[in-house]
Amino acid sequence: MQAAPPAPVTTARAFSALPSTLAVRPPSLTGALRALEGLLMRGGQRTARRNAWSAVLEDRRRARARREAQSLLEAAAAAGPQAT
């Protein structure tokens, strides 16, 4: 039994056979801006990320404290005045 002859290679087939990492795309504006930002902010980027994360953690702490205070106020209001 003979193997089937190979199909003729067309440009569309050859292009689709390439991995997507080899496909060349023109740079987008977003990609260019990110590259420029990376060059300009290389030294301070670590500090900026650390400061941003600290701000996120502080916001979460404040939100938790606000929720706890709100639940305490609601519990106190629901109890109503107590007779002595």
PDB file of N, CA and C in Angstrom:
ATOM      1  N   MET A   1       0.847  -1.167   0.000  1.00  0.00           N
ATOM      2  CA  MET A   1       0.000   0.000   0.000  1.00  0.00           C
ATOM      3  C   MET A   1       0.894   1.232   0.000  1.00  0.00           C
ATOM      4  N   GLN A   2       0.596   2.168  -0.870  1.00  0.00           N
ATOM      5  CA  GLN A   2       1.400   3.375  -0.977  1.00  0.00           C
ATOM      6  C   GLN A   2       0.764   4.503  -0.188  1.00  0.00           C
ATOM      7  N   ALA A   3       1.634   5.364   0.346  1.00  0.00           N
ATOM      8  CA  ALA A   3       1.130   6.533   1.073  1.00  0.00           C
ATOM      9  C   ALA A   3       0.576   7.535   0.080  1.00  0.00           C
ATOM     10  N   ALA A   4      -0.395   8.280   0.526  1.00  0.00           N
ATOM     11  CA  ALA A   4      -0.993   9.296  -0.337  1.00  0.00           C
ATOM     12  C   ALA A   4       0.039  10.367  -0.630  1.00  0.00           C
ATOM     13  N   PRO A   5       0.037  10.929  -1.825  1.00  0.00           N
ATOM     14  CA  PRO A   5       0.997  11.983  -2.140  1.00  0.00           C
ATOM     15  C   PRO A   5       0.711  13.210  -1.287  1.00  0.00           C
ATOM     16  N   PRO A   6       1.750  13.935  -0.905  1.00  0.00           N
ATOM     17  CA  PRO A   6       1.530  15.115  -0.065  1.00  0.00           C
ATOM     18  C   PRO A   6       0.737  16.171  -0.811  1.00  0.00           C
ATOM     19  N   ALA A   7      -0.105  16.850  -0.072  1.00  0.00           N
ATOM     20  CA  ALA A   7      -0.918  17.909  -0.668  1.00  0.00           C
ATOM     21  C   ALA A   7      -0.028  19.083  -1.017  1.00  0.00           C
ATOM     22  N   PRO A   8      -0.354  19.797  -2.079  1.00  0.00           N
ATOM     23  CA  PRO A   8       0.469  20.959  -2.435  1.00  0.00           C
ATOM     24  C   PRO A   8       0.384  22.024  -1.345  1.00  0.00           C
ATOM     25  N   VAL A   9       1.509  22.651  -1.093  1.00  0.00           N
ATOM     26  CA  VAL A   9       1.581  23.670  -0.049  1.00  0.00           C
ATOM     27  C   VAL A   9       1.152  25.001  -0.638  1.00  0.00           C
ATOM     28  N   THR A  10       0.147  25.584  -0.043  1.00  0.00           N
ATOM     29  CA  THR A  10      -0.282  26.918  -0.458  1.00  0.00           C
ATOM     30  C   THR A  10       0.186  27.909   0.590  1.00  0.00           C
ATOM     31  N   THR A  11       0.190  29.172   0.246  1.00  0.00           N
ATOM     32  CA  THR A  11       0.659  30.177   1.206  1.00  0.00           C
ATOM     33  C   THR A  11      -0.258  30.251   2.414  1.00  0.00           C
ATOM     34  N   ALA A  12      -1.545  30.080   2.222  1.00  0.00           N
ATOM     35  CA  ALA A  12      -2.475  30.135   3.360  1.00  0.00           C
ATOM     36  C   ALA A  12      -2.214  28.968   4.297  1.00  0.00           C
ATOM     37  N   ARG A  13      -1.966  27.798   3.711  1.00  0.00           N
ATOM     38  CA  ARG A  13      -1.720  26.631   4.549  1.00  0.00           C
ATOM     39  C   ARG A  13      -0.372  26.759   5.262  1.00  0.00           C
ATOM     40  N   ALA A  14       0.629  27.245   4.556  1.00  0.00           N
ATOM     41  CA  ALA A  14       1.945  27.398   5.165  1.00  0.00           C
ATOM     42  C   ALA A  14       1.889  28.414   6.295  1.00  0.00           C
ATOM     43  N   PHE A  15       1.145  29.490   6.114  1.00  0.00           N
ATOM     44  CA  PHE A  15       1.046  30.516   7.159  1.00  0.00           C
ATOM     45  C   PHE A  15       0.318  29.979   8.375  1.00  0.00           C
ATOM     46  N   SER A  16      -0.755  29.205   8.156  1.00  0.00           N
ATOM     47  CA  SER A  16      -1.518  28.693   9.294  1.00  0.00           C
ATOM     48  C   SER A  16      -0.744  27.609  10.036  1.00  0.00           C
ATOM     49  N   ALA A  17       0.259  27.016   9.392  1.00  0.00           N
ATOM     50  CA  ALA A  17       1.046  25.989  10.055  1.00  0.00           C
ATOM     51  C   ALA A  17       2.061  26.599  11.025  1.00  0.00           C
ATOM     52  N   LEU A  18       2.346  27.891  10.878  1.00  0.00           N
ATOM     53  CA  LEU A  18       3.289  28.540  11.779  1.00  0.00           C
ATOM     54  C   LEU A  18       2.678  28.717  13.158  1.00  0.00           C
ATOM     55  N   PRO A  19       3.458  28.561  14.200  1.00  0.00           N
ATOM     56  CA  PRO A  19       2.927  28.853  15.536  1.00  0.00           C
ATOM     57  C   PRO A  19       2.542  30.327  15.633  1.00  0.00           C
ATOM     58  N   SER A  20       1.583  30.610  16.471  1.00  0.00           N
ATOM     59  CA  SER A  20       1.107  31.985  16.590  1.00  0.00           C
ATOM     60  C   SER A  20       2.197  32.924  17.090  1.00  0.00           C
ATOM     61  N   THR A  21       3.209  32.399  17.776  1.00  0.00           N
ATOM     62  CA  THR A  21       4.281  33.260  18.269  1.00  0.00           C
ATOM     63  C   THR A  21       5.157  33.776  17.141  1.00  0.00           C
ATOM     64  N   LEU A  22       5.138  33.088  15.991  1.00  0.00           N
ATOM     65  CA  LEU A  22       5.954  33.526  14.871  1.00  0.00           C
ATOM     66  C   LEU A  22       5.214  34.495  13.956  1.00  0.00           C
ATOM     67  N   ALA A  23       3.916  34.619  14.130  1.00  0.00           N
ATOM     68  CA  ALA A  23       3.154  35.549  13.308  1.00  0.00           C
ATOM     69  C   ALA A  23       3.567  36.974  13.672  1.00  0.00           C
ATOM     70  N   VAL A  24       3.805  37.771  12.674  1.00  0.00           N
ATOM     71  CA  VAL A  24       4.258  39.139  12.913  1.00  0.00           C
ATOM     72  C   VAL A  24       3.059  40.062  12.831  1.00  0.00           C
ATOM     73  N   ARG A  25       2.838  40.810  13.897  1.00  0.00           N
ATOM     74  CA  ARG A  25       1.750  41.777  13.924  1.00  0.00           C
ATOM     75  C   ARG A  25       2.333  43.164  14.080  1.00  0.00           C
ATOM     76  N   PRO A  26       1.725  44.136  13.475  1.00  0.00           N
ATOM     77  CA  PRO A  26       2.227  45.499  13.680  1.00  0.00           C
ATOM     78  C   PRO A  26       1.998  45.922  15.130  1.00  0.00           C
ATOM     79  N   PRO A  27       2.912  46.695  15.683  1.00  0.00           N
ATOM     80  CA  PRO A  27       2.752  47.100  17.082  1.00  0.00           C
ATOM     81  C   PRO A  27       1.524  47.996  17.247  1.00  0.00           C
ATOM     82  N   SER A  28       0.836  47.780  18.339  1.00  0.00           N
ATOM     83  CA  SER A  28      -0.339  48.604  18.614  1.00  0.00           C
ATOM     84  C   SER A  28       0.088  49.837  19.401  1.00  0.00           C
ATOM     85  N   LEU A  29      -0.775  50.793  19.464  1.00  0.00           N
ATOM     86  CA  LEU A  29      -0.489  52.003  20.232  1.00  0.00           C
ATOM     87  C   LEU A  29      -0.327  51.663  21.709  1.00  0.00           C
ATOM     88  N   THR A  30      -1.169  50.756  22.213  1.00  0.00           N
ATOM     89  CA  THR A  30      -1.070  50.355  23.616  1.00  0.00           C
ATOM     90  C   THR A  30       0.273  49.707  23.907  1.00  0.00           C
ATOM     91  N   GLY A  31       0.710  48.816  23.020  1.00  0.00           N
ATOM     92  CA  GLY A  31       1.994  48.166  23.216  1.00  0.00           C
ATOM     93  C   GLY A  31       3.149  49.152  23.185  1.00  0.00           C
ATOM     94  N   ALA A  32       3.070  50.113  22.286  1.00  0.00           N
ATOM     95  CA  ALA A  32       4.122  51.123  22.200  1.00  0.00           C
ATOM     96  C   ALA A  32       4.157  51.981  23.457  1.00  0.00           C
ATOM     97  N   LEU A  33       2.990  52.356  23.964  1.00  0.00           N
ATOM     98  CA  LEU A  33       2.939  53.166  25.188  1.00  0.00           C
ATOM     99  C   LEU A  33       3.451  52.388  26.389  1.00  0.00           C
ATOM    100  N   ARG A  34       3.128  51.100  26.449  1.00  0.00           N
ATOM    101  CA  ARG A  34       3.638  50.281  27.555  1.00  0.00           C
ATOM    102  C   ARG A  34       5.158  50.146  27.494  1.00  0.00           C
ATOM    103  N   ALA A  35       5.694  49.992  26.291  1.00  0.00           N
ATOM    104  CA  ALA A  35       7.141  49.897  26.149  1.00  0.00           C
ATOM    105  C   ALA A  35       7.808  51.200  26.568  1.00  0.00           C
ATOM    106  N   LEU A  36       7.231  52.324  26.169  1.00  0.00           N
ATOM    107  CA  LEU A  36       7.774  53.622  26.548  1.00  0.00           C
ATOM    108  C   LEU A  36       7.692  53.820  28.062  1.00  0.00           C
ATOM    109  N   GLU A  37       6.571  53.435  28.645  1.00  0.00           N
ATOM    110  CA  GLU A  37       6.420  53.539  30.090  1.00  0.00           C
ATOM    111  C   GLU A  37       7.453  52.678  30.806  1.00  0.00           C
ATOM    112  N   GLY A  38       7.706  51.493  30.276  1.00  0.00           N
ATOM    113  CA  GLY A  38       8.695  50.609  30.872  1.00  0.00           C
ATOM    114  C   GLY A  38      10.087  51.214  30.859  1.00  0.00           C
ATOM    115  N   LEU A  39      10.422  51.910  29.778  1.00  0.00           N
ATOM    116  CA  LEU A  39      11.736  52.543  29.706  1.00  0.00           C
ATOM    117  C   LEU A  39      11.853  53.729  30.655  1.00  0.00           C
ATOM    118  N   LEU A  40      10.787  54.522  30.718  1.00  0.00           N
ATOM    119  CA  LEU A  40      10.844  55.737  31.533  1.00  0.00           C
ATOM    120  C   LEU A  40      10.732  55.467  33.021  1.00  0.00           C
ATOM    121  N   MET A  41       9.966  54.455  33.395  1.00  0.00           N
ATOM    122  CA  MET A  41       9.679  54.228  34.808  1.00  0.00           C
ATOM    123  C   MET A  41      10.377  52.993  35.356  1.00  0.00           C
ATOM    124  N   ARG A  42      11.411  52.546  34.708  1.00  0.00           N
ATOM    125  CA  ARG A  42      12.047  51.293  35.117  1.00  0.00           C
ATOM    126  C   ARG A  42      12.492  51.324  36.573  1.00  0.00           C
ATOM    127  N   GLY A  43      13.164  52.385  37.003  1.00  0.00           N
ATOM    128  CA  GLY A  43      13.689  52.434  38.360  1.00  0.00           C
ATOM    129  C   GLY A  43      12.616  52.542  39.417  1.00  0.00           C
ATOM    130  N   GLY A  44      11.589  53.321  39.160  1.00  0.00           N
ATOM    131  CA  GLY A  44      10.573  53.553  40.177  1.00  0.00           C
ATOM    132  C   GLY A  44       9.386  52.622  40.107  1.00  0.00           C
ATOM    133  N   GLN A  45       9.402  51.699  39.174  1.00  0.00           N
ATOM    134  CA  GLN A  45       8.239  50.839  39.008  1.00  0.00           C
ATOM    135  C   GLN A  45       8.015  49.945  40.217  1.00  0.00           C
ATOM    136  N   ARG A  46       9.072  49.405  40.764  1.00  0.00           N
ATOM    137  CA  ARG A  46       8.931  48.523  41.927  1.00  0.00           C
ATOM    138  C   ARG A  46       8.348  49.286  43.097  1.00  0.00           C
ATOM    139  N   THR A  47       8.852  50.498  43.323  1.00  0.00           N
ATOM    140  CA  THR A  47       8.345  51.325  44.419  1.00  0.00           C
ATOM    141  C   THR A  47       6.886  51.692  44.185  1.00  0.00           C
ATOM    142  N   ALA A  48       6.548  52.037  42.950  1.00  0.00           N
ATOM    143  CA  ALA A  48       5.168  52.402  42.642  1.00  0.00           C
ATOM    144  C   ALA A  48       4.226  51.234  42.891  1.00  0.00           C
ATOM    145  N   ARG A  49       4.620  50.046  42.481  1.00  0.00           N
ATOM    146  CA  ARG A  49       3.770  48.871  42.712  1.00  0.00           C
ATOM    147  C   ARG A  49       3.626  48.573  44.199  1.00  0.00           C
ATOM    148  N   ARG A  50       4.721  48.715  44.934  1.00  0.00           N
ATOM    149  CA  ARG A  50       4.674  48.473  46.380  1.00  0.00           C
ATOM    150  C   ARG A  50       3.751  49.484  47.057  1.00  0.00           C
ATOM    151  N   ASN A  51       3.847  50.752  46.649  1.00  0.00           N
ATOM    152  CA  ASN A  51       2.971  51.775  47.223  1.00  0.00           C
ATOM    153  C   ASN A  51       1.510  51.524  46.868  1.00  0.00           C
ATOM    154  N   ALA A  52       1.267  51.104  45.628  1.00  0.00           N
ATOM    155  CA  ALA A  52      -0.103  50.819  45.214  1.00  0.00           C
ATOM    156  C   ALA A  52      -0.677  49.657  46.022  1.00  0.00           C
ATOM    157  N   TRP A  53       0.130  48.619  46.242  1.00  0.00           N
ATOM    158  CA  TRP A  53      -0.355  47.473  47.009  1.00  0.00           C
ATOM    159  C   TRP A  53      -0.621  47.874  48.461  1.00  0.00           C
ATOM    160  N   SER A  54       0.231  48.707  49.030  1.00  0.00           N
ATOM    161  CA  SER A  54       0.009  49.184  50.395  1.00  0.00           C
ATOM    162  C   SER A  54      -1.293  49.979  50.484  1.00  0.00           C
ATOM    163  N   ALA A  55      -1.575  50.772  49.457  1.00  0.00           N
ATOM    164  CA  ALA A  55      -2.819  51.533  49.433  1.00  0.00           C
ATOM    165  C   ALA A  55      -4.026  50.600  49.351  1.00  0.00           C
ATOM    166  N   VAL A  56      -3.922  49.532  48.572  1.00  0.00           N
ATOM    167  CA  VAL A  56      -5.015  48.562  48.469  1.00  0.00           C
ATOM    168  C   VAL A  56      -5.266  47.913  49.827  1.00  0.00           C
ATOM    169  N   LEU A  57      -4.192  47.504  50.495  1.00  0.00           N
ATOM    170  CA  LEU A  57      -4.352  46.869  51.803  1.00  0.00           C
ATOM    171  C   LEU A  57      -4.960  47.828  52.822  1.00  0.00           C
ATOM    172  N   GLU A  58      -4.546  49.095  52.776  1.00  0.00           N
ATOM    173  CA  GLU A  58      -5.106  50.100  53.694  1.00  0.00           C
ATOM    174  C   GLU A  58      -6.586  50.332  53.410  1.00  0.00           C
ATOM    175  N   ASP A  59      -6.963  50.373  52.137  1.00  0.00           N
ATOM    176  CA  ASP A  59      -8.378  50.531  51.784  1.00  0.00           C
ATOM    177  C   ASP A  59      -9.200  49.349  52.283  1.00  0.00           C
ATOM    178  N   ARG A  60      -8.647  48.158  52.168  1.00  0.00           N
ATOM    179  CA  ARG A  60      -9.363  46.978  52.657  1.00  0.00           C
ATOM    180  C   ARG A  60      -9.523  47.030  54.175  1.00  0.00           C
ATOM    181  N   ARG A  61      -8.486  47.490  54.882  1.00  0.00           N
ATOM    182  CA  ARG A  61      -8.568  47.600  56.332  1.00  0.00           C
ATOM    183  C   ARG A  61      -9.638  48.602  56.730  1.00  0.00           C
ATOM    184  N   ARG A  62      -9.679  49.742  56.041  1.00  0.00           N
ATOM    185  CA  ARG A  62     -10.700  50.751  56.348  1.00  0.00           C
ATOM    186  C   ARG A  62     -12.097  50.243  56.052  1.00  0.00           C
ATOM    187  N   ALA A  63     -12.256  49.527  54.956  1.00  0.00           N
ATOM    188  CA  ALA A  63     -13.574  48.985  54.607  1.00  0.00           C
ATOM    189  C   ALA A  63     -14.039  47.982  55.655  1.00  0.00           C
ATOM    190  N   ARG A  64     -13.122  47.145  56.120  1.00  0.00           N
ATOM    191  CA  ARG A  64     -13.477  46.175  57.156  1.00  0.00           C
ATOM    192  C   ARG A  64     -13.904  46.887  58.437  1.00  0.00           C
ATOM    193  N   ALA A  65     -13.158  47.921  58.843  1.00  0.00           N
ATOM    194  CA  ALA A  65     -13.500  48.676  60.047  1.00  0.00           C
ATOM    195  C   ALA A  65     -14.856  49.375  59.879  1.00  0.00           C
ATOM    196  N   ARG A  66     -15.118  49.901  58.675  1.00  0.00           N
ATOM    197  CA  ARG A  66     -16.390  50.573  58.417  1.00  0.00           C
ATOM    198  C   ARG A  66     -17.551  49.588  58.493  1.00  0.00           C
ATOM    199  N   ARG A  67     -17.367  48.370  57.930  1.00  0.00           N
ATOM    200  CA  ARG A  67     -18.427  47.358  58.013  1.00  0.00           C
ATOM    201  C   ARG A  67     -18.694  46.956  59.460  1.00  0.00           C
ATOM    202  N   GLU A  68     -17.627  46.794  60.250  1.00  0.00           N
ATOM    203  CA  GLU A  68     -17.805  46.419  61.659  1.00  0.00           C
ATOM    204  C   GLU A  68     -18.525  47.516  62.425  1.00  0.00           C
ATOM    205  N   ALA A  69     -18.166  48.769  62.185  1.00  0.00           N
ATOM    206  CA  ALA A  69     -18.829  49.878  62.869  1.00  0.00           C
ATOM    207  C   ALA A  69     -20.297  49.967  62.457  1.00  0.00           C
ATOM    208  N   GLN A  70     -20.565  49.755  61.167  1.00  0.00           N
ATOM    209  CA  GLN A  70     -21.945  49.798  60.686  1.00  0.00           C
ATOM    210  C   GLN A  70     -22.784  48.705  61.341  1.00  0.00           C
ATOM    211  N   SER A  71     -22.234  47.504  61.455  1.00  0.00           N
ATOM    212  CA  SER A  71     -23.007  46.415  62.060  1.00  0.00           C
ATOM    213  C   SER A  71     -23.249  46.679  63.545  1.00  0.00           C
ATOM    214  N   LEU A  72     -22.266  47.283  64.225  1.00  0.00           N
ATOM    215  CA  LEU A  72     -22.470  47.623  65.640  1.00  0.00           C
ATOM    216  C   LEU A  72     -23.554  48.684  65.804  1.00  0.00           C
ATOM    217  N   LEU A  73     -23.548  49.692  64.941  1.00  0.00           N
ATOM    218  CA  LEU A  73     -24.576  50.732  65.012  1.00  0.00           C
ATOM    219  C   LEU A  73     -25.944  50.170  64.716  1.00  0.00           C
ATOM    220  N   GLU A  74     -26.051  49.275  63.718  1.00  0.00           N
ATOM    221  CA  GLU A  74     -27.333  48.677  63.394  1.00  0.00           C
ATOM    222  C   GLU A  74     -27.835  47.802  64.539  1.00  0.00           C
ATOM    223  N   ALA A  75     -26.935  47.084  65.192  1.00  0.00           N
ATOM    224  CA  ALA A  75     -27.316  46.226  66.309  1.00  0.00           C
ATOM    225  C   ALA A  75     -27.802  47.074  67.480  1.00  0.00           C
ATOM    226  N   ALA A  76     -27.131  48.210  67.708  1.00  0.00           N
ATOM    227  CA  ALA A  76     -27.530  49.096  68.804  1.00  0.00           C
ATOM    228  C   ALA A  76     -28.879  49.746  68.497  1.00  0.00           C
ATOM    229  N   ALA A  77     -29.129  50.091  67.248  1.00  0.00           N
ATOM    230  CA  ALA A  77     -30.405  50.707  66.885  1.00  0.00           C
ATOM    231  C   ALA A  77     -31.537  49.696  66.946  1.00  0.00           C
ATOM    232  N   ALA A  78     -31.268  48.443  66.619  1.00  0.00           N
ATOM    233  CA  ALA A  78     -32.303  47.420  66.643  1.00  0.00           C
ATOM    234  C   ALA A  78     -32.707  47.057  68.075  1.00  0.00           C
ATOM    235  N   ALA A  79     -31.768  47.185  69.015  1.00  0.00           N
ATOM    236  CA  ALA A  79     -32.070  46.853  70.396  1.00  0.00           C
ATOM    237  C   ALA A  79     -33.078  47.829  70.985  1.00  0.00           C
ATOM    238  N   GLY A  80     -33.022  49.085  70.532  1.00  0.00           N
ATOM    239  CA  GLY A  80     -33.969  50.087  71.011  1.00  0.00           C
ATOM    240  C   GLY A  80     -33.663  50.506  72.426  1.00  0.00           C
ATOM    241  N   PRO A  81     -34.435  51.438  72.938  1.00  0.00           N
ATOM    242  CA  PRO A  81     -34.201  51.887  74.313  1.00  0.00           C
ATOM    243  C   PRO A  81     -34.588  50.785  75.295  1.00  0.00           C
ATOM    244  N   GLN A  82     -33.801  50.675  76.327  1.00  0.00           N
ATOM    245  CA  GLN A  82     -34.047  49.648  77.333  1.00  0.00           C
ATOM    246  C   GLN A  82     -34.635  50.292  78.575  1.00  0.00           C
ATOM    247  N   ALA A  83     -35.628  49.643  79.108  1.00  0.00           N
ATOM    248  CA  ALA A  83     -36.241  50.136  80.341  1.00  0.00           C
ATOM    249  C   ALA A  83     -35.360  49.772  81.520  1.00  0.00           C
ATOM    250  N   THR A  84     -35.227  50.698  82.441  1.00  0.00           N
ATOM    251  CA  THR A  84     -34.417  50.439  83.631  1.00  0.00           C
ATOM    252  C   THR A  84     -35.267  50.306  84.845  1.00  0.00           C
TER     253      THR A  84
END
